[in-house]
Each structure stands twice: as structure tokens, then as C-alpha cells.
Amino acid sequence: MHFDKDQADKLSGGVFLMGMGVLFYIGNWWPGLLFVIGASSLVEGLAEGRGWCGLQAAAWSIGLGIVFLFRIHFVVALFVLLGLSSILGVLVRPPGFQNKPHVDNSLE
């Protein structure tokens, strides 16, 4: 489902506000804020039809949230997140990056 920019912003804002409400309730601000940012960016990217951007932002935000939550060694996490980002870039690439147009290099 594709929404216009205004609707996507409202959806993302609603998810963000609900996430902030949950954070107020549980009181776990860090790294909870990273999970809220990841969820709202994923919703906005999917609502605008730019799933690739939403997935990339969500992967990094949620991934960093997991790193801080479980106190994973940062260098290990960095390589895992870079690999995940690379895989997402191949599997869910935006349409503009799928195929390059053919260029005729012959001189006539």
C-alpha cells in the first residue's frame, strides 16, 4: 500500500508517539529510543513505497539498539551490521538502482 508524503509522515509520527509512550511506561530510554526510531523509519519507508530506505534505516537503528542492549563488542557488531546492510541492498534495492540503461558507445 502506497501513501502520499503527508500520510506517511502521520503514520510514522503515530508509531513514534506510541513508542515514546511505551518508553515512558517502562522507563528504559536507552537503547529503547533506537528501537522506536527504527520502527518509525521502517513504517515511513514502507508507507511511502521506499521500502529499501526504511529497511536500511531500521536495520541500523534496531541493530545498534541490540548492540547496546546486549553489550555486544562494537567491532563485531559493526561488521555484522555492514553485512546486513549489504545484503538488504542486494535483496531490496530501489527501482532506480536495478538496471542501468543501455549506453551505445559505438561511434557512427
PDB file of N, CA and C in Angstrom:
ATOM      1  N   MET A   1       0.839  -1.167   0.000  1.00  0.00           N
ATOM      2  CA  MET A   1       0.000   0.000   0.000  1.00  0.00           C
ATOM      3  C   MET A   1       0.893   1.241   0.000  1.00  0.00           C
ATOM      4  N   HIS A   2       0.562   2.181  -0.846  1.00  0.00           N
ATOM      5  CA  HIS A   2       1.377   3.381  -1.015  1.00  0.00           C
ATOM      6  C   HIS A   2       0.578   4.600  -0.545  1.00  0.00           C
ATOM      7  N   PHE A   3       1.176   5.391   0.333  1.00  0.00           N
ATOM      8  CA  PHE A   3       0.549   6.607   0.849  1.00  0.00           C
ATOM      9  C   PHE A   3       1.331   7.809   0.349  1.00  0.00           C
ATOM     10  N   ASP A   4       0.681   8.984   0.333  1.00  0.00           N
ATOM     11  CA  ASP A   4       1.428  10.180  -0.033  1.00  0.00           C
ATOM     12  C   ASP A   4       2.308  10.600   1.149  1.00  0.00           C
ATOM     13  N   LYS A   5       3.149  11.594   0.938  1.00  0.00           N
ATOM     14  CA  LYS A   5       4.144  12.018   1.924  1.00  0.00           C
ATOM     15  C   LYS A   5       3.489  12.435   3.244  1.00  0.00           C
ATOM     16  N   ASP A   6       2.388  13.171   3.167  1.00  0.00           N
ATOM     17  CA  ASP A   6       1.719  13.645   4.375  1.00  0.00           C
ATOM     18  C   ASP A   6       1.170  12.478   5.195  1.00  0.00           C
ATOM     19  N   GLN A   7       0.544  11.517   4.530  1.00  0.00           N
ATOM     20  CA  GLN A   7       0.012  10.353   5.237  1.00  0.00           C
ATOM     21  C   GLN A   7       1.139   9.510   5.838  1.00  0.00           C
ATOM     22  N   ALA A   8       2.232   9.347   5.087  1.00  0.00           N
ATOM     23  CA  ALA A   8       3.366   8.571   5.586  1.00  0.00           C
ATOM     24  C   ALA A   8       3.978   9.231   6.816  1.00  0.00           C
ATOM     25  N   ASP A   9       4.063  10.562   6.792  1.00  0.00           N
ATOM     26  CA  ASP A   9       4.587  11.289   7.960  1.00  0.00           C
ATOM     27  C   ASP A   9       3.687  11.101   9.179  1.00  0.00           C
ATOM     28  N   LYS A  10       2.363  11.111   8.951  1.00  0.00           N
ATOM     29  CA  LYS A  10       1.429  10.918  10.060  1.00  0.00           C
ATOM     30  C   LYS A  10       1.526   9.503  10.623  1.00  0.00           C
ATOM     31  N   LEU A  11       1.649   8.513   9.744  1.00  0.00           N
ATOM     32  CA  LEU A  11       1.817   7.135  10.214  1.00  0.00           C
ATOM     33  C   LEU A  11       3.100   6.984  11.028  1.00  0.00           C
ATOM     34  N   SER A  12       4.171   7.525  10.496  1.00  0.00           N
ATOM     35  CA  SER A  12       5.451   7.451  11.186  1.00  0.00           C
ATOM     36  C   SER A  12       5.397   8.185  12.523  1.00  0.00           C
ATOM     37  N   GLY A  13       4.770   9.336  12.536  1.00  0.00           N
ATOM     38  CA  GLY A  13       4.621  10.096  13.771  1.00  0.00           C
ATOM     39  C   GLY A  13       3.789   9.345  14.803  1.00  0.00           C
ATOM     40  N   GLY A  14       2.735   8.663  14.345  1.00  0.00           N
ATOM     41  CA  GLY A  14       1.912   7.874  15.253  1.00  0.00           C
ATOM     42  C   GLY A  14       2.695   6.726  15.879  1.00  0.00           C
ATOM     43  N   VAL A  15       3.497   6.047  15.051  1.00  0.00           N
ATOM     44  CA  VAL A  15       4.324   4.957  15.578  1.00  0.00           C
ATOM     45  C   VAL A  15       5.351   5.506  16.564  1.00  0.00           C
ATOM     46  N   PHE A  16       5.944   6.649  16.228  1.00  0.00           N
ATOM     47  CA  PHE A  16       6.928   7.261  17.115  1.00  0.00           C
ATOM     48  C   PHE A  16       6.300   7.634  18.463  1.00  0.00           C
ATOM     49  N   LEU A  17       5.112   8.254  18.425  1.00  0.00           N
ATOM     50  CA  LEU A  17       4.455   8.662  19.666  1.00  0.00           C
ATOM     51  C   LEU A  17       4.056   7.454  20.515  1.00  0.00           C
ATOM     52  N   MET A  18       3.566   6.390  19.867  1.00  0.00           N
ATOM     53  CA  MET A  18       3.236   5.184  20.620  1.00  0.00           C
ATOM     54  C   MET A  18       4.495   4.591  21.254  1.00  0.00           C
ATOM     55  N   GLY A  19       5.589   4.584  20.497  1.00  0.00           N
ATOM     56  CA  GLY A  19       6.846   4.084  21.035  1.00  0.00           C
ATOM     57  C   GLY A  19       7.334   4.912  22.211  1.00  0.00           C
ATOM     58  N   MET A  20       7.186   6.224  22.116  1.00  0.00           N
ATOM     59  CA  MET A  20       7.586   7.088  23.225  1.00  0.00           C
ATOM     60  C   MET A  20       6.710   6.830  24.451  1.00  0.00           C
ATOM     61  N   GLY A  21       5.426   6.575  24.216  1.00  0.00           N
ATOM     62  CA  GLY A  21       4.542   6.234  25.328  1.00  0.00           C
ATOM     63  C   GLY A  21       4.986   4.960  26.029  1.00  0.00           C
ATOM     64  N   VAL A  22       5.385   3.963  25.237  1.00  0.00           N
ATOM     65  CA  VAL A  22       5.887   2.712  25.826  1.00  0.00           C
ATOM     66  C   VAL A  22       7.165   2.992  26.608  1.00  0.00           C
ATOM     67  N   LEU A  23       8.047   3.822  26.067  1.00  0.00           N
ATOM     68  CA  LEU A  23       9.289   4.151  26.777  1.00  0.00           C
ATOM     69  C   LEU A  23       9.012   4.881  28.090  1.00  0.00           C
ATOM     70  N   PHE A  24       8.025   5.786  28.093  1.00  0.00           N
ATOM     71  CA  PHE A  24       7.655   6.452  29.344  1.00  0.00           C
ATOM     72  C   PHE A  24       7.158   5.429  30.362  1.00  0.00           C
ATOM     73  N   TYR A  25       6.406   4.447  29.887  1.00  0.00           N
ATOM     74  CA  TYR A  25       5.837   3.447  30.795  1.00  0.00           C
ATOM     75  C   TYR A  25       6.918   2.533  31.384  1.00  0.00           C
ATOM     76  N   ILE A  26       7.804   2.027  30.520  1.00  0.00           N
ATOM     77  CA  ILE A  26       8.799   1.074  31.019  1.00  0.00           C
ATOM     78  C   ILE A  26      10.042   1.761  31.569  1.00  0.00           C
ATOM     79  N   GLY A  27      10.289   3.002  31.151  1.00  0.00           N
ATOM     80  CA  GLY A  27      11.413   3.768  31.682  1.00  0.00           C
ATOM     81  C   GLY A  27      12.778   3.349  31.144  1.00  0.00           C
ATOM     82  N   ASN A  28      12.821   2.521  30.134  1.00  0.00           N
ATOM     83  CA  ASN A  28      14.096   2.065  29.562  1.00  0.00           C
ATOM     84  C   ASN A  28      14.405   2.909  28.319  1.00  0.00           C
ATOM     85  N   TRP A  29      14.947   4.107  28.544  1.00  0.00           N
ATOM     86  CA  TRP A  29      15.162   5.053  27.448  1.00  0.00           C
ATOM     87  C   TRP A  29      16.272   4.628  26.510  1.00  0.00           C
ATOM     88  N   TRP A  30      17.331   4.082  27.052  1.00  0.00           N
ATOM     89  CA  TRP A  30      18.442   3.682  26.198  1.00  0.00           C
ATOM     90  C   TRP A  30      18.634   2.199  26.304  1.00  0.00           C
ATOM     91  N   PRO A  31      18.610   1.468  25.291  1.00  0.00           N
ATOM     92  CA  PRO A  31      18.558   1.812  23.872  1.00  0.00           C
ATOM     93  C   PRO A  31      17.152   1.795  23.285  1.00  0.00           C
ATOM     94  N   GLY A  32      16.123   1.884  24.131  1.00  0.00           N
ATOM     95  CA  GLY A  32      14.750   1.857  23.633  1.00  0.00           C
ATOM     96  C   GLY A  32      14.463   2.892  22.567  1.00  0.00           C
ATOM     97  N   LEU A  33      15.089   4.050  22.691  1.00  0.00           N
ATOM     98  CA  LEU A  33      14.883   5.108  21.700  1.00  0.00           C
ATOM     99  C   LEU A  33      15.333   4.659  20.311  1.00  0.00           C
ATOM    100  N   LEU A  34      16.395   3.872  20.237  1.00  0.00           N
ATOM    101  CA  LEU A  34      16.854   3.367  18.935  1.00  0.00           C
ATOM    102  C   LEU A  34      15.819   2.441  18.304  1.00  0.00           C
ATOM    103  N   PHE A  35      15.140   1.636  19.115  1.00  0.00           N
ATOM    104  CA  PHE A  35      14.100   0.745  18.587  1.00  0.00           C
ATOM    105  C   PHE A  35      12.901   1.546  18.085  1.00  0.00           C
ATOM    106  N   VAL A  36      12.555   2.611  18.798  1.00  0.00           N
ATOM    107  CA  VAL A  36      11.438   3.466  18.374  1.00  0.00           C
ATOM    108  C   VAL A  36      11.777   4.168  17.060  1.00  0.00           C
ATOM    109  N   ILE A  37      12.996   4.681  16.944  1.00  0.00           N
ATOM    110  CA  ILE A  37      13.415   5.337  15.697  1.00  0.00           C
ATOM    111  C   ILE A  37      13.415   4.335  14.543  1.00  0.00           C
ATOM    112  N   GLY A  38      13.904   3.130  14.797  1.00  0.00           N
ATOM    113  CA  GLY A  38      13.920   2.103  13.757  1.00  0.00           C
ATOM    114  C   GLY A  38      12.522   1.736  13.294  1.00  0.00           C
ATOM    115  N   ALA A  39      11.598   1.571  14.236  1.00  0.00           N
ATOM    116  CA  ALA A  39      10.222   1.212  13.876  1.00  0.00           C
ATOM    117  C   ALA A  39       9.548   2.322  13.080  1.00  0.00           C
ATOM    118  N   SER A  40       9.721   3.565  13.506  1.00  0.00           N
ATOM    119  CA  SER A  40       9.059   4.665  12.792  1.00  0.00           C
ATOM    120  C   SER A  40       9.674   4.887  11.413  1.00  0.00           C
ATOM    121  N   SER A  41      10.976   4.708  11.276  1.00  0.00           N
ATOM    122  CA  SER A  41      11.582   4.865   9.941  1.00  0.00           C
ATOM    123  C   SER A  41      11.172   3.730   9.016  1.00  0.00           C
ATOM    124  N   LEU A  42      11.009   2.531   9.546  1.00  0.00           N
ATOM    125  CA  LEU A  42      10.548   1.413   8.732  1.00  0.00           C
ATOM    126  C   LEU A  42       9.128   1.663   8.241  1.00  0.00           C
ATOM    127  N   VAL A  43       8.248   2.115   9.130  1.00  0.00           N
ATOM    128  CA  VAL A  43       6.863   2.393   8.742  1.00  0.00           C
ATOM    129  C   VAL A  43       6.808   3.497   7.696  1.00  0.00           C
ATOM    130  N   GLU A  44       7.587   4.556   7.876  1.00  0.00           N
ATOM    131  CA  GLU A  44       7.558   5.653   6.903  1.00  0.00           C
ATOM    132  C   GLU A  44       8.091   5.208   5.545  1.00  0.00           C
ATOM    133  N   GLY A  45       9.188   4.452   5.547  1.00  0.00           N
ATOM    134  CA  GLY A  45       9.734   3.977   4.275  1.00  0.00           C
ATOM    135  C   GLY A  45       8.775   3.069   3.536  1.00  0.00           C
ATOM    136  N   LEU A  46       8.122   2.169   4.254  1.00  0.00           N
ATOM    137  CA  LEU A  46       7.162   1.261   3.613  1.00  0.00           C
ATOM    138  C   LEU A  46       5.914   2.003   3.153  1.00  0.00           C
ATOM    139  N   ALA A  47       5.450   2.978   3.944  1.00  0.00           N
ATOM    140  CA  ALA A  47       4.246   3.726   3.580  1.00  0.00           C
ATOM    141  C   ALA A  47       4.473   4.591   2.344  1.00  0.00           C
ATOM    142  N   GLU A  48       5.676   5.108   2.168  1.00  0.00           N
ATOM    143  CA  GLU A  48       5.982   5.941   1.005  1.00  0.00           C
ATOM    144  C   GLU A  48       6.354   5.110  -0.215  1.00  0.00           C
ATOM    145  N   GLY A  49       6.431   3.802  -0.053  1.00  0.00           N
ATOM    146  CA  GLY A  49       6.833   2.956  -1.169  1.00  0.00           C
ATOM    147  C   GLY A  49       8.336   2.917  -1.356  1.00  0.00           C
ATOM    148  N   ARG A  50       9.086   3.348  -0.356  1.00  0.00           N
ATOM    149  CA  ARG A  50      10.544   3.314  -0.393  1.00  0.00           C
ATOM    150  C   ARG A  50      11.026   2.328   0.665  1.00  0.00           C
ATOM    151  N   GLY A  51      10.621   1.076   0.497  1.00  0.00           N
ATOM    152  CA  GLY A  51      10.942   0.065   1.482  1.00  0.00           C
ATOM    153  C   GLY A  51      12.430  -0.085   1.729  1.00  0.00           C
ATOM    154  N   TRP A  52      13.227   0.120   0.688  1.00  0.00           N
ATOM    155  CA  TRP A  52      14.682  -0.027   0.806  1.00  0.00           C
ATOM    156  C   TRP A  52      15.237   0.965   1.830  1.00  0.00           C
ATOM    157  N   CYS A  53      14.830   2.202   1.733  1.00  0.00           N
ATOM    158  CA  CYS A  53      15.316   3.225   2.680  1.00  0.00           C
ATOM    159  C   CYS A  53      14.850   2.917   4.091  1.00  0.00           C
ATOM    160  N   GLY A  54      13.595   2.498   4.225  1.00  0.00           N
ATOM    161  CA  GLY A  54      13.075   2.156   5.536  1.00  0.00           C
ATOM    162  C   GLY A  54      13.780   0.965   6.140  1.00  0.00           C
ATOM    163  N   LEU A  55      14.057  -0.049   5.319  1.00  0.00           N
ATOM    164  CA  LEU A  55      14.755  -1.235   5.818  1.00  0.00           C
ATOM    165  C   LEU A  55      16.187  -0.913   6.223  1.00  0.00           C
ATOM    166  N   GLN A  56      16.863  -0.102   5.454  1.00  0.00           N
ATOM    167  CA  GLN A  56      18.233   0.276   5.786  1.00  0.00           C
ATOM    168  C   GLN A  56      18.279   1.040   7.116  1.00  0.00           C
ATOM    169  N   ALA A  57      17.414   2.036   7.252  1.00  0.00           N
ATOM    170  CA  ALA A  57      17.396   2.834   8.479  1.00  0.00           C
ATOM    171  C   ALA A  57      16.991   1.988   9.682  1.00  0.00           C
ATOM    172  N   ALA A  58      15.994   1.124   9.489  1.00  0.00           N
ATOM    173  CA  ALA A  58      15.544   0.264  10.585  1.00  0.00           C
ATOM    174  C   ALA A  58      16.626  -0.738  10.975  1.00  0.00           C
ATOM    175  N   ALA A  59      17.312  -1.301   9.987  1.00  0.00           N
ATOM    176  CA  ALA A  59      18.365  -2.279  10.282  1.00  0.00           C
ATOM    177  C   ALA A  59      19.467  -1.644  11.119  1.00  0.00           C
ATOM    178  N   TRP A  60      19.861  -0.429  10.762  1.00  0.00           N
ATOM    179  CA  TRP A  60      20.926   0.232  11.524  1.00  0.00           C
ATOM    180  C   TRP A  60      20.452   0.656  12.908  1.00  0.00           C
ATOM    181  N   SER A  61      19.259   1.249  13.004  1.00  0.00           N
ATOM    182  CA  SER A  61      18.764   1.712  14.307  1.00  0.00           C
ATOM    183  C   SER A  61      18.487   0.541  15.247  1.00  0.00           C
ATOM    184  N   ILE A  62      17.766  -0.433  14.759  1.00  0.00           N
ATOM    185  CA  ILE A  62      17.441  -1.585  15.601  1.00  0.00           C
ATOM    186  C   ILE A  62      18.695  -2.400  15.886  1.00  0.00           C
ATOM    187  N   GLY A  63      19.570  -2.530  14.888  1.00  0.00           N
ATOM    188  CA  GLY A  63      20.817  -3.254  15.092  1.00  0.00           C
ATOM    189  C   GLY A  63      21.680  -2.613  16.165  1.00  0.00           C
ATOM    190  N   LEU A  64      21.796  -1.292  16.132  1.00  0.00           N
ATOM    191  CA  LEU A  64      22.562  -0.600  17.176  1.00  0.00           C
ATOM    192  C   LEU A  64      21.877  -0.716  18.535  1.00  0.00           C
ATOM    193  N   GLY A  65      20.539  -0.721  18.522  1.00  0.00           N
ATOM    194  CA  GLY A  65      19.814  -0.927  19.771  1.00  0.00           C
ATOM    195  C   GLY A  65      20.124  -2.283  20.379  1.00  0.00           C
ATOM    196  N   ILE A  66      20.195  -3.317  19.550  1.00  0.00           N
ATOM    197  CA  ILE A  66      20.542  -4.658  20.027  1.00  0.00           C
ATOM    198  C   ILE A  66      21.976  -4.685  20.545  1.00  0.00           C
ATOM    199  N   VAL A  67      22.877  -3.993  19.849  1.00  0.00           N
ATOM    200  CA  VAL A  67      24.279  -3.929  20.285  1.00  0.00           C
ATOM    201  C   VAL A  67      24.374  -3.342  21.690  1.00  0.00           C
ATOM    202  N   PHE A  68      23.690  -2.226  21.930  1.00  0.00           N
ATOM    203  CA  PHE A  68      23.754  -1.587  23.238  1.00  0.00           C
ATOM    204  C   PHE A  68      22.976  -2.358  24.296  1.00  0.00           C
ATOM    205  N   LEU A  69      21.883  -3.002  23.897  1.00  0.00           N
ATOM    206  CA  LEU A  69      21.075  -3.751  24.856  1.00  0.00           C
ATOM    207  C   LEU A  69      21.834  -4.956  25.408  1.00  0.00           C
ATOM    208  N   PHE A  70      22.495  -5.687  24.511  1.00  0.00           N
ATOM    209  CA  PHE A  70      23.198  -6.902  24.927  1.00  0.00           C
ATOM    210  C   PHE A  70      24.696  -6.691  25.132  1.00  0.00           C
ATOM    211  N   ARG A  71      25.147  -5.429  25.011  1.00  0.00           N
ATOM    212  CA  ARG A  71      26.557  -5.076  25.218  1.00  0.00           C
ATOM    213  C   ARG A  71      27.487  -5.925  24.340  1.00  0.00           C
ATOM    214  N   ILE A  72      27.138  -5.999  23.077  1.00  0.00           N
ATOM    215  CA  ILE A  72      27.944  -6.747  22.116  1.00  0.00           C
ATOM    216  C   ILE A  72      29.171  -5.920  21.766  1.00  0.00           C
ATOM    217  N   HIS A  73      30.286  -6.572  21.553  1.00  0.00           N
ATOM    218  CA  HIS A  73      31.521  -5.879  21.180  1.00  0.00           C
ATOM    219  C   HIS A  73      31.259  -5.075  19.907  1.00  0.00           C
ATOM    220  N   PHE A  74      31.624  -3.793  19.922  1.00  0.00           N
ATOM    221  CA  PHE A  74      31.230  -2.878  18.848  1.00  0.00           C
ATOM    222  C   PHE A  74      31.813  -3.260  17.490  1.00  0.00           C
ATOM    223  N   VAL A  75      33.050  -3.713  17.433  1.00  0.00           N
ATOM    224  CA  VAL A  75      33.663  -4.056  16.145  1.00  0.00           C
ATOM    225  C   VAL A  75      32.942  -5.248  15.524  1.00  0.00           C
ATOM    226  N   VAL A  76      32.605  -6.235  16.334  1.00  0.00           N
ATOM    227  CA  VAL A  76      31.852  -7.388  15.841  1.00  0.00           C
ATOM    228  C   VAL A  76      30.504  -6.923  15.298  1.00  0.00           C
ATOM    229  N   ALA A  77      29.823  -6.104  16.066  1.00  0.00           N
ATOM    230  CA  ALA A  77      28.517  -5.610  15.645  1.00  0.00           C
ATOM    231  C   ALA A  77      28.607  -4.775  14.382  1.00  0.00           C
ATOM    232  N   LEU A  78      29.650  -3.984  14.252  1.00  0.00           N
ATOM    233  CA  LEU A  78      29.811  -3.153  13.064  1.00  0.00           C
ATOM    234  C   LEU A  78      29.908  -4.014  11.816  1.00  0.00           C
ATOM    235  N   PHE A  79      30.691  -5.078  11.869  1.00  0.00           N
ATOM    236  CA  PHE A  79      30.816  -5.949  10.703  1.00  0.00           C
ATOM    237  C   PHE A  79      29.496  -6.673  10.401  1.00  0.00           C
ATOM    238  N   VAL A  80      28.790  -7.097  11.433  1.00  0.00           N
ATOM    239  CA  VAL A  80      27.501  -7.760  11.214  1.00  0.00           C
ATOM    240  C   VAL A  80      26.496  -6.787  10.601  1.00  0.00           C
ATOM    241  N   LEU A  81      26.443  -5.563  11.117  1.00  0.00           N
ATOM    242  CA  LEU A  81      25.514  -4.574  10.570  1.00  0.00           C
ATOM    243  C   LEU A  81      25.889  -4.160   9.146  1.00  0.00           C
ATOM    244  N   LEU A  82      27.172  -4.043   8.859  1.00  0.00           N
ATOM    245  CA  LEU A  82      27.586  -3.735   7.477  1.00  0.00           C
ATOM    246  C   LEU A  82      27.195  -4.865   6.534  1.00  0.00           C
ATOM    247  N   GLY A  83      27.366  -6.102   6.990  1.00  0.00           N
ATOM    248  CA  GLY A  83      26.961  -7.248   6.166  1.00  0.00           C
ATOM    249  C   GLY A  83      25.464  -7.272   5.942  1.00  0.00           C
ATOM    250  N   LEU A  84      24.694  -7.016   7.001  1.00  0.00           N
ATOM    251  CA  LEU A  84      23.237  -6.975   6.867  1.00  0.00           C
ATOM    252  C   LEU A  84      22.809  -5.863   5.927  1.00  0.00           C
ATOM    253  N   SER A  85      23.430  -4.723   6.036  1.00  0.00           N
ATOM    254  CA  SER A  85      23.118  -3.602   5.165  1.00  0.00           C
ATOM    255  C   SER A  85      23.437  -3.938   3.712  1.00  0.00           C
ATOM    256  N   SER A  86      24.540  -4.615   3.492  1.00  0.00           N
ATOM    257  CA  SER A  86      24.915  -5.023   2.140  1.00  0.00           C
ATOM    258  C   SER A  86      23.918  -6.020   1.566  1.00  0.00           C
ATOM    259  N   ILE A  87      23.510  -6.989   2.377  1.00  0.00           N
ATOM    260  CA  ILE A  87      22.542  -7.988   1.915  1.00  0.00           C
ATOM    261  C   ILE A  87      21.201  -7.329   1.603  1.00  0.00           C
ATOM    262  N   LEU A  88      20.748  -6.421   2.463  1.00  0.00           N
ATOM    263  CA  LEU A  88      19.498  -5.708   2.198  1.00  0.00           C
ATOM    264  C   LEU A  88      19.603  -4.875   0.931  1.00  0.00           C
ATOM    265  N   GLY A  89      20.774  -4.304   0.678  1.00  0.00           N
ATOM    266  CA  GLY A  89      20.974  -3.520  -0.536  1.00  0.00           C
ATOM    267  C   GLY A  89      20.851  -4.351  -1.795  1.00  0.00           C
ATOM    268  N   VAL A  90      21.187  -5.634  -1.716  1.00  0.00           N
ATOM    269  CA  VAL A  90      21.062  -6.517  -2.881  1.00  0.00           C
ATOM    270  C   VAL A  90      19.636  -7.035  -3.020  1.00  0.00           C
ATOM    271  N   LEU A  91      19.023  -7.423  -1.915  1.00  0.00           N
ATOM    272  CA  LEU A  91      17.707  -8.051  -1.968  1.00  0.00           C
ATOM    273  C   LEU A  91      16.564  -7.069  -2.170  1.00  0.00           C
ATOM    274  N   VAL A  92      16.675  -5.886  -1.617  1.00  0.00           N
ATOM    275  CA  VAL A  92      15.574  -4.930  -1.654  1.00  0.00           C
ATOM    276  C   VAL A  92      16.070  -3.600  -2.191  1.00  0.00           C
ATOM    277  N   ARG A  93      16.673  -3.640  -3.335  1.00  0.00           N
ATOM    278  CA  ARG A  93      17.244  -2.433  -3.931  1.00  0.00           C
ATOM    279  C   ARG A  93      16.143  -1.582  -4.566  1.00  0.00           C
ATOM    280  N   PRO A  94      16.241  -0.250  -4.478  1.00  0.00           N
ATOM    281  CA  PRO A  94      15.220   0.606  -5.090  1.00  0.00           C
ATOM    282  C   PRO A  94      15.230   0.459  -6.606  1.00  0.00           C
ATOM    283  N   PRO A  95      14.070   0.727  -7.244  1.00  0.00           N
ATOM    284  CA  PRO A  95      13.957   0.534  -8.688  1.00  0.00           C
ATOM    285  C   PRO A  95      14.985   1.305  -9.510  1.00  0.00           C
ATOM    286  N   GLY A  96      15.396   2.472  -9.060  1.00  0.00           N
ATOM    287  CA  GLY A  96      16.359   3.269  -9.818  1.00  0.00           C
ATOM    288  C   GLY A  96      17.729   2.633  -9.899  1.00  0.00           C
ATOM    289  N   PHE A  97      18.025   1.702  -9.016  1.00  0.00           N
ATOM    290  CA  PHE A  97      19.329   1.063  -8.984  1.00  0.00           C
ATOM    291  C   PHE A  97      19.313  -0.348  -9.557  1.00  0.00           C
ATOM    292  N   GLN A  98      18.169  -0.816 -10.041  1.00  0.00           N
ATOM    293  CA  GLN A  98      18.067  -2.190 -10.514  1.00  0.00           C
ATOM    294  C   GLN A  98      18.897  -2.416 -11.776  1.00  0.00           C
ATOM    295  N   ASN A  99      18.556  -1.736 -12.813  1.00  0.00           N
ATOM    296  CA  ASN A  99      19.245  -1.924 -14.090  1.00  0.00           C
ATOM    297  C   ASN A  99      19.650  -0.575 -14.650  1.00  0.00           C
ATOM    298  N   LYS A 100      20.876  -0.493 -15.054  1.00  0.00           N
ATOM    299  CA  LYS A 100      21.323   0.739 -15.686  1.00  0.00           C
ATOM    300  C   LYS A 100      20.847   0.740 -17.139  1.00  0.00           C
ATOM    301  N   PRO A 101      20.538   1.916 -17.670  1.00  0.00           N
ATOM    302  CA  PRO A 101      20.111   1.968 -19.068  1.00  0.00           C
ATOM    303  C   PRO A 101      21.288   1.635 -19.993  1.00  0.00           C
ATOM    304  N   HIS A 102      20.955   1.062 -21.122  1.00  0.00           N
ATOM    305  CA  HIS A 102      21.971   0.700 -22.100  1.00  0.00           C
ATOM    306  C   HIS A 102      22.560   1.978 -22.720  1.00  0.00           C
ATOM    307  N   VAL A 103      23.854   2.031 -22.813  1.00  0.00           N
ATOM    308  CA  VAL A 103      24.535   3.168 -23.422  1.00  0.00           C
ATOM    309  C   VAL A 103      25.244   2.670 -24.674  1.00  0.00           C
ATOM    310  N   ASP A 104      24.966   3.329 -25.782  1.00  0.00           N
ATOM    311  CA  ASP A 104      25.597   2.954 -27.042  1.00  0.00           C
ATOM    312  C   ASP A 104      26.930   3.686 -27.130  1.00  0.00           C
ATOM    313  N   ASN A 105      28.014   2.949 -27.025  1.00  0.00           N
ATOM    314  CA  ASN A 105      29.355   3.541 -27.062  1.00  0.00           C
ATOM    315  C   ASN A 105      29.981   3.506 -28.448  1.00  0.00           C
ATOM    316  N   SER A 106      29.244   3.033 -29.425  1.00  0.00           N
ATOM    317  CA  SER A 106      29.812   2.964 -30.775  1.00  0.00           C
ATOM    318  C   SER A 106      29.761   4.341 -31.441  1.00  0.00           C
ATOM    319  N   LEU A 107      30.768   4.618 -32.212  1.00  0.00           N
ATOM    320  CA  LEU A 107      30.810   5.873 -32.952  1.00  0.00           C
ATOM    321  C   LEU A 107      30.310   5.614 -34.370  1.00  0.00           C
ATOM    322  N   GLU A 108      29.380   6.395 -34.806  1.00  0.00           N
ATOM    323  CA  GLU A 108      28.825   6.184 -36.137  1.00  0.00           C
ATOM    324  C   GLU A 108      29.374   7.183 -37.104  1.00  0.00           C
TER     325      GLU A 108
END
